[in-house]
PDB file of N, CA and C in Angstrom:
ATOM      1  N   MET A   1     -44.240   7.675  -5.316  1.00  0.00           N
ATOM      2  CA  MET A   1     -43.013   7.503  -6.065  1.00  0.00           C
ATOM      3  C   MET A   1     -41.897   8.371  -5.501  1.00  0.00           C
ATOM      4  N   ALA A   2     -42.212   9.623  -5.195  1.00  0.00           N
ATOM      5  CA  ALA A   2     -41.197  10.525  -4.653  1.00  0.00           C
ATOM      6  C   ALA A   2     -40.704  10.041  -3.294  1.00  0.00           C
ATOM      7  N   GLU A   3     -41.592   9.422  -2.544  1.00  0.00           N
ATOM      8  CA  GLU A   3     -41.203   8.904  -1.228  1.00  0.00           C
ATOM      9  C   GLU A   3     -40.189   7.773  -1.378  1.00  0.00           C
ATOM     10  N   ASN A   4     -40.352   6.919  -2.385  1.00  0.00           N
ATOM     11  CA  ASN A   4     -39.400   5.832  -2.636  1.00  0.00           C
ATOM     12  C   ASN A   4     -38.032   6.387  -3.005  1.00  0.00           C
ATOM     13  N   VAL A   5     -38.014   7.423  -3.820  1.00  0.00           N
ATOM     14  CA  VAL A   5     -36.748   8.054  -4.213  1.00  0.00           C
ATOM     15  C   VAL A   5     -36.081   8.667  -2.993  1.00  0.00           C
ATOM     16  N   ASP A   6     -36.856   9.337  -2.162  1.00  0.00           N
ATOM     17  CA  ASP A   6     -36.301   9.923  -0.942  1.00  0.00           C
ATOM     18  C   ASP A   6     -35.703   8.846  -0.048  1.00  0.00           C
ATOM     19  N   ASN A   7     -36.393   7.727   0.086  1.00  0.00           N
ATOM     20  CA  ASN A   7     -35.880   6.631   0.914  1.00  0.00           C
ATOM     21  C   ASN A   7     -34.582   6.066   0.349  1.00  0.00           C
ATOM     22  N   LEU A   8     -34.504   5.935  -0.967  1.00  0.00           N
ATOM     23  CA  LEU A   8     -33.282   5.438  -1.603  1.00  0.00           C
ATOM     24  C   LEU A   8     -32.121   6.404  -1.375  1.00  0.00           C
ATOM     25  N   VAL A   9     -32.391   7.673  -1.519  1.00  0.00           N
ATOM     26  CA  VAL A   9     -31.353   8.686  -1.312  1.00  0.00           C
ATOM     27  C   VAL A   9     -30.885   8.666   0.141  1.00  0.00           C
ATOM     28  N   LEU A  10     -31.811   8.601   1.066  1.00  0.00           N
ATOM     29  CA  LEU A  10     -31.451   8.557   2.483  1.00  0.00           C
ATOM     30  C   LEU A  10     -30.637   7.309   2.813  1.00  0.00           C
ATOM     31  N   GLU A  11     -31.003   6.184   2.242  1.00  0.00           N
ATOM     32  CA  GLU A  11     -30.260   4.945   2.481  1.00  0.00           C
ATOM     33  C   GLU A  11     -28.833   5.058   1.929  1.00  0.00           C
ATOM     34  N   GLN A  12     -28.695   5.636   0.759  1.00  0.00           N
ATOM     35  CA  GLN A  12     -27.348   5.810   0.192  1.00  0.00           C
ATOM     36  C   GLN A  12     -26.508   6.764   1.054  1.00  0.00           C
ATOM     37  N   LEU A  13     -27.137   7.807   1.553  1.00  0.00           N
ATOM     38  CA  LEU A  13     -26.417   8.735   2.430  1.00  0.00           C
ATOM     39  C   LEU A  13     -25.977   8.047   3.723  1.00  0.00           C
ATOM     40  N   ARG A  14     -26.818   7.183   4.260  1.00  0.00           N
ATOM     41  CA  ARG A  14     -26.447   6.423   5.467  1.00  0.00           C
ATOM     42  C   ARG A  14     -25.245   5.521   5.190  1.00  0.00           C
ATOM     43  N   LEU A  15     -25.243   4.855   4.030  1.00  0.00           N
ATOM     44  CA  LEU A  15     -24.128   3.984   3.665  1.00  0.00           C
ATOM     45  C   LEU A  15     -22.837   4.781   3.483  1.00  0.00           C
ATOM     46  N   ILE A  16     -22.958   5.927   2.847  1.00  0.00           N
ATOM     47  CA  ILE A  16     -21.785   6.791   2.651  1.00  0.00           C
ATOM     48  C   ILE A  16     -21.249   7.250   4.000  1.00  0.00           C
ATOM     49  N   ARG A  17     -22.123   7.661   4.883  1.00  0.00           N
ATOM     50  CA  ARG A  17     -21.706   8.114   6.218  1.00  0.00           C
ATOM     51  C   ARG A  17     -21.017   6.973   6.974  1.00  0.00           C
ATOM     52  N   SER A  18     -21.547   5.782   6.856  1.00  0.00           N
ATOM     53  CA  SER A  18     -20.956   4.621   7.515  1.00  0.00           C
ATOM     54  C   SER A  18     -19.548   4.343   6.969  1.00  0.00           C
ATOM     55  N   ASP A  19     -19.409   4.403   5.650  1.00  0.00           N
ATOM     56  CA  ASP A  19     -18.091   4.196   5.034  1.00  0.00           C
ATOM     57  C   ASP A  19     -17.099   5.263   5.491  1.00  0.00           C
ATOM     58  N   LEU A  20     -17.539   6.491   5.538  1.00  0.00           N
ATOM     59  CA  LEU A  20     -16.654   7.579   5.969  1.00  0.00           C
ATOM     60  C   LEU A  20     -16.223   7.411   7.422  1.00  0.00           C
ATOM     61  N   GLN A  21     -17.121   6.937   8.257  1.00  0.00           N
ATOM     62  CA  GLN A  21     -16.764   6.707   9.661  1.00  0.00           C
ATOM     63  C   GLN A  21     -15.730   5.597   9.792  1.00  0.00           C
ATOM     64  N   ARG A  22     -15.855   4.552   8.992  1.00  0.00           N
ATOM     65  CA  ARG A  22     -14.853   3.471   9.030  1.00  0.00           C
ATOM     66  C   ARG A  22     -13.500   3.969   8.548  1.00  0.00           C
ATOM     67  N   ILE A  23     -13.486   4.756   7.485  1.00  0.00           N
ATOM     68  CA  ILE A  23     -12.232   5.307   6.963  1.00  0.00           C
ATOM     69  C   ILE A  23     -11.592   6.229   7.997  1.00  0.00           C
ATOM     70  N   GLU A  24     -12.382   7.067   8.612  1.00  0.00           N
ATOM     71  CA  GLU A  24     -11.872   7.980   9.643  1.00  0.00           C
ATOM     72  C   GLU A  24     -11.280   7.199  10.815  1.00  0.00           C
ATOM     73  N   ALA A  25     -11.933   6.116  11.211  1.00  0.00           N
ATOM     74  CA  ALA A  25     -11.422   5.299  12.313  1.00  0.00           C
ATOM     75  C   ALA A  25     -10.074   4.685  11.949  1.00  0.00           C
ATOM     76  N   LYS A  26      -9.916   4.233  10.704  1.00  0.00           N
ATOM     77  CA  LYS A  26      -8.637   3.665  10.268  1.00  0.00           C
ATOM     78  C   LYS A  26      -7.540   4.722  10.302  1.00  0.00           C
ATOM     79  N   PHE A  27      -7.845   5.933   9.851  1.00  0.00           N
ATOM     80  CA  PHE A  27      -6.856   7.008   9.884  1.00  0.00           C
ATOM     81  C   PHE A  27      -6.473   7.351  11.318  1.00  0.00           C
ATOM     82  N   ASP A  28      -7.430   7.360  12.201  1.00  0.00           N
ATOM     83  CA  ASP A  28      -7.140   7.661  13.605  1.00  0.00           C
ATOM     84  C   ASP A  28      -6.223   6.597  14.205  1.00  0.00           C
ATOM     85  N   GLU A  29      -6.459   5.328  13.848  1.00  0.00           N
ATOM     86  CA  GLU A  29      -5.636   4.234  14.365  1.00  0.00           C
ATOM     87  C   GLU A  29      -4.204   4.345  13.867  1.00  0.00           C
ATOM     88  N   ARG A  30      -4.033   4.742  12.623  1.00  0.00           N
ATOM     89  CA  ARG A  30      -2.708   4.752  12.009  1.00  0.00           C
ATOM     90  C   ARG A  30      -1.965   6.068  12.183  1.00  0.00           C
ATOM     91  N   SER A  31      -2.623   7.100  12.654  1.00  0.00           N
ATOM     92  CA  SER A  31      -1.956   8.398  12.739  1.00  0.00           C
ATOM     93  C   SER A  31      -0.786   8.364  13.713  1.00  0.00           C
ATOM     94  N   ASP A  32      -0.909   7.626  14.817  1.00  0.00           N
ATOM     95  CA  ASP A  32       0.196   7.521  15.763  1.00  0.00           C
ATOM     96  C   ASP A  32       1.387   6.810  15.129  1.00  0.00           C
ATOM     97  N   ASP A  33       1.119   5.752  14.370  1.00  0.00           N
ATOM     98  CA  ASP A  33       2.195   5.032  13.686  1.00  0.00           C
ATOM     99  C   ASP A  33       2.894   5.931  12.667  1.00  0.00           C
ATOM    100  N   LEU A  34       2.101   6.685  11.923  1.00  0.00           N
ATOM    101  CA  LEU A  34       2.686   7.576  10.920  1.00  0.00           C
ATOM    102  C   LEU A  34       3.525   8.671  11.566  1.00  0.00           C
ATOM    103  N   ASN A  35       3.042   9.218  12.676  1.00  0.00           N
ATOM    104  CA  ASN A  35       3.804  10.244  13.380  1.00  0.00           C
ATOM    105  C   ASN A  35       5.109   9.684  13.922  1.00  0.00           C
ATOM    106  N   ALA A  36       5.086   8.465  14.432  1.00  0.00           N
ATOM    107  CA  ALA A  36       6.304   7.833  14.953  1.00  0.00           C
ATOM    108  C   ALA A  36       7.306   7.610  13.831  1.00  0.00           C
ATOM    109  N   LYS A  37       6.835   7.163  12.682  1.00  0.00           N
ATOM    110  CA  LYS A  37       7.729   6.959  11.541  1.00  0.00           C
ATOM    111  C   LYS A  37       8.303   8.284  11.060  1.00  0.00           C
ATOM    112  N   LEU A  38       7.478   9.305  11.031  1.00  0.00           N
ATOM    113  CA  LEU A  38       7.950  10.617  10.606  1.00  0.00           C
ATOM    114  C   LEU A  38       9.010  11.146  11.561  1.00  0.00           C
ATOM    115  N   ASP A  39       8.782  10.984  12.857  1.00  0.00           N
ATOM    116  CA  ASP A  39       9.781  11.412  13.845  1.00  0.00           C
ATOM    117  C   ASP A  39      11.077  10.634  13.669  1.00  0.00           C
ATOM    118  N   GLY A  40      10.984   9.340  13.405  1.00  0.00           N
ATOM    119  CA  GLY A  40      12.169   8.514  13.184  1.00  0.00           C
ATOM    120  C   GLY A  40      12.945   8.960  11.961  1.00  0.00           C
ATOM    121  N   ASN A  41      12.233   9.223  10.871  1.00  0.00           N
ATOM    122  CA  ASN A  41      12.891   9.684   9.646  1.00  0.00           C
ATOM    123  C   ASN A  41      13.527  11.047   9.848  1.00  0.00           C
ATOM    124  N   THR A  42      12.867  11.921  10.581  1.00  0.00           N
ATOM    125  CA  THR A  42      13.427  13.243  10.864  1.00  0.00           C
ATOM    126  C   THR A  42      14.719  13.101  11.660  1.00  0.00           C
ATOM    127  N   GLY A  43      14.719  12.213  12.639  1.00  0.00           N
ATOM    128  CA  GLY A  43      15.924  11.973  13.432  1.00  0.00           C
ATOM    129  C   GLY A  43      17.076  11.474  12.579  1.00  0.00           C
ATOM    130  N   ILE A  44      16.778  10.587  11.656  1.00  0.00           N
ATOM    131  CA  ILE A  44      17.816  10.060  10.764  1.00  0.00           C
ATOM    132  C   ILE A  44      18.392  11.174   9.900  1.00  0.00           C
ATOM    133  N   LEU A  45      17.530  12.025   9.356  1.00  0.00           N
ATOM    134  CA  LEU A  45      18.007  13.118   8.512  1.00  0.00           C
ATOM    135  C   LEU A  45      18.864  14.114   9.300  1.00  0.00           C
ATOM    136  N   VAL A  46      18.467  14.401  10.527  1.00  0.00           N
ATOM    137  CA  VAL A  46      19.243  15.314  11.364  1.00  0.00           C
ATOM    138  C   VAL A  46      20.612  14.710  11.657  1.00  0.00           C
ATOM    139  N   ALA A  47      20.637  13.423  11.991  1.00  0.00           N
ATOM    140  CA  ALA A  47      21.910  12.754  12.273  1.00  0.00           C
ATOM    141  C   ALA A  47      22.800  12.727  11.039  1.00  0.00           C
ATOM    142  N   LEU A  48      22.226  12.468   9.886  1.00  0.00           N
ATOM    143  CA  LEU A  48      22.993  12.455   8.649  1.00  0.00           C
ATOM    144  C   LEU A  48      23.567  13.840   8.344  1.00  0.00           C
ATOM    145  N   GLY A  49      22.756  14.869   8.542  1.00  0.00           N
ATOM    146  CA  GLY A  49      23.229  16.236   8.332  1.00  0.00           C
ATOM    147  C   GLY A  49      24.381  16.584   9.263  1.00  0.00           C
ATOM    148  N   ARG A  50      24.275  16.150  10.504  1.00  0.00           N
ATOM    149  CA  ARG A  50      25.354  16.400  11.474  1.00  0.00           C
ATOM    150  C   ARG A  50      26.626  15.667  11.069  1.00  0.00           C
ATOM    151  N   TYR A  51      26.475  14.445  10.599  1.00  0.00           N
ATOM    152  CA  TYR A  51      27.628  13.650  10.163  1.00  0.00           C
ATOM    153  C   TYR A  51      28.326  14.335   8.984  1.00  0.00           C
ATOM    154  N   ILE A  52      27.575  14.812   8.029  1.00  0.00           N
ATOM    155  CA  ILE A  52      28.147  15.512   6.879  1.00  0.00           C
ATOM    156  C   ILE A  52      28.836  16.793   7.333  1.00  0.00           C
ATOM    157  N   HIS A  53      28.230  17.494   8.259  1.00  0.00           N
ATOM    158  CA  HIS A  53      28.843  18.716   8.797  1.00  0.00           C
ATOM    159  C   HIS A  53      30.182  18.398   9.467  1.00  0.00           C
ATOM    160  N   ASP A  54      30.240  17.316  10.216  1.00  0.00           N
ATOM    161  CA  ASP A  54      31.487  16.914  10.868  1.00  0.00           C
ATOM    162  C   ASP A  54      32.563  16.571   9.840  1.00  0.00           C
ATOM    163  N   ILE A  55      32.186  15.866   8.795  1.00  0.00           N
ATOM    164  CA  ILE A  55      33.144  15.537   7.734  1.00  0.00           C
ATOM    165  C   ILE A  55      33.654  16.810   7.073  1.00  0.00           C
ATOM    166  N   ASP A  56      32.767  17.752   6.815  1.00  0.00           N
ATOM    167  CA  ASP A  56      33.170  19.023   6.210  1.00  0.00           C
ATOM    168  C   ASP A  56      34.180  19.748   7.100  1.00  0.00           C
ATOM    169  N   GLY A  57      33.953  19.729   8.401  1.00  0.00           N
ATOM    170  CA  GLY A  57      34.895  20.360   9.331  1.00  0.00           C
ATOM    171  C   GLY A  57      36.252  19.691   9.297  1.00  0.00           C
ATOM    172  N   ARG A  58      36.264  18.379   9.211  1.00  0.00           N
ATOM    173  CA  ARG A  58      37.535  17.653   9.137  1.00  0.00           C
ATOM    174  C   ARG A  58      38.286  17.995   7.860  1.00  0.00           C
ATOM    175  N   VAL A  59      37.568  18.057   6.753  1.00  0.00           N
ATOM    176  CA  VAL A  59      38.197  18.402   5.475  1.00  0.00           C
ATOM    177  C   VAL A  59      38.784  19.808   5.547  1.00  0.00           C
ATOM    178  N   GLU A  60      38.051  20.732   6.133  1.00  0.00           N
ATOM    179  CA  GLU A  60      38.564  22.100   6.269  1.00  0.00           C
ATOM    180  C   GLU A  60      39.829  22.127   7.113  1.00  0.00           C
ATOM    181  N   ARG A  61      39.863  21.378   8.218  1.00  0.00           N
ATOM    182  CA  ARG A  61      41.068  21.336   9.062  1.00  0.00           C
ATOM    183  C   ARG A  61      42.244  20.723   8.313  1.00  0.00           C
ATOM    184  N   LEU A  62      41.974  19.687   7.513  1.00  0.00           N
ATOM    185  CA  LEU A  62      43.042  19.086   6.711  1.00  0.00           C
ATOM    186  C   LEU A  62      43.566  20.069   5.672  1.00  0.00           C
ATOM    187  N   GLU A  63      42.660  20.802   5.040  1.00  0.00           N
ATOM    188  CA  GLU A  63      43.083  21.808   4.059  1.00  0.00           C
ATOM    189  C   GLU A  63      43.936  22.875   4.724  1.00  0.00           C
ATOM    190  N   ASP A  64      43.538  23.312   5.914  1.00  0.00           N
ATOM    191  CA  ASP A  64      44.328  24.309   6.642  1.00  0.00           C
ATOM    192  C   ASP A  64      45.690  23.746   7.015  1.00  0.00           C
ATOM    193  N   ALA A  65      45.726  22.483   7.382  1.00  0.00           N
ATOM    194  CA  ALA A  65      46.992  21.855   7.794  1.00  0.00           C
ATOM    195  C   ALA A  65      47.970  21.735   6.650  1.00  0.00           C
ATOM    196  N   ILE A  66      47.464  21.466   5.447  1.00  0.00           N
ATOM    197  CA  ILE A  66      48.371  21.334   4.310  1.00  0.00           C
ATOM    198  C   ILE A  66      48.535  22.642   3.556  1.00  0.00           C
ATOM    199  N   GLY A  67      47.860  23.666   3.986  1.00  0.00           N
ATOM    200  CA  GLY A  67      48.005  24.999   3.404  1.00  0.00           C
ATOM    201  C   GLY A  67      47.242  25.205   2.111  1.00  0.00           C
ATOM    202  N   GLU A  68      46.256  24.424   1.846  1.00  0.00           N
ATOM    203  CA  GLU A  68      45.481  24.590   0.616  1.00  0.00           C
ATOM    204  C   GLU A  68      44.347  25.559   0.855  1.00  0.00           C
ATOM    205  N   LYS A  69      44.146  26.444  -0.094  1.00  0.00           N
ATOM    206  CA  LYS A  69      43.053  27.406   0.018  1.00  0.00           C
ATOM    207  C   LYS A  69      41.987  27.065  -1.003  1.00  0.00           C
ATOM    208  N   ARG A  70      40.786  27.424  -0.678  1.00  0.00           N
ATOM    209  CA  ARG A  70      39.677  27.174  -1.610  1.00  0.00           C
ATOM    210  C   ARG A  70      39.581  28.277  -2.617  1.00  0.00           C
TER     211      ARG A  70
END
C-alpha cells in the first residue's frame, strides 16, 4: 500500500515538474518581447519629459521677455 502511495506522489511530482518547465519556457520566450516593450516605453517617457522641459524653458523665456516674475 505504501508503495502505491509513493508511486502516486512521484507521478504527481513529475507532472508538476513538467508543468513548471513549460511555464518557464514560455517566460523565456516572452522575456525578450517584454524587455523590448519596456525599453520602448522608457524611451517614450524620456522623450515626453524632454518635451515638457523644453516647454517650461519657453515659458520662462516668455515670462522674462514680458517682465513677469514668479
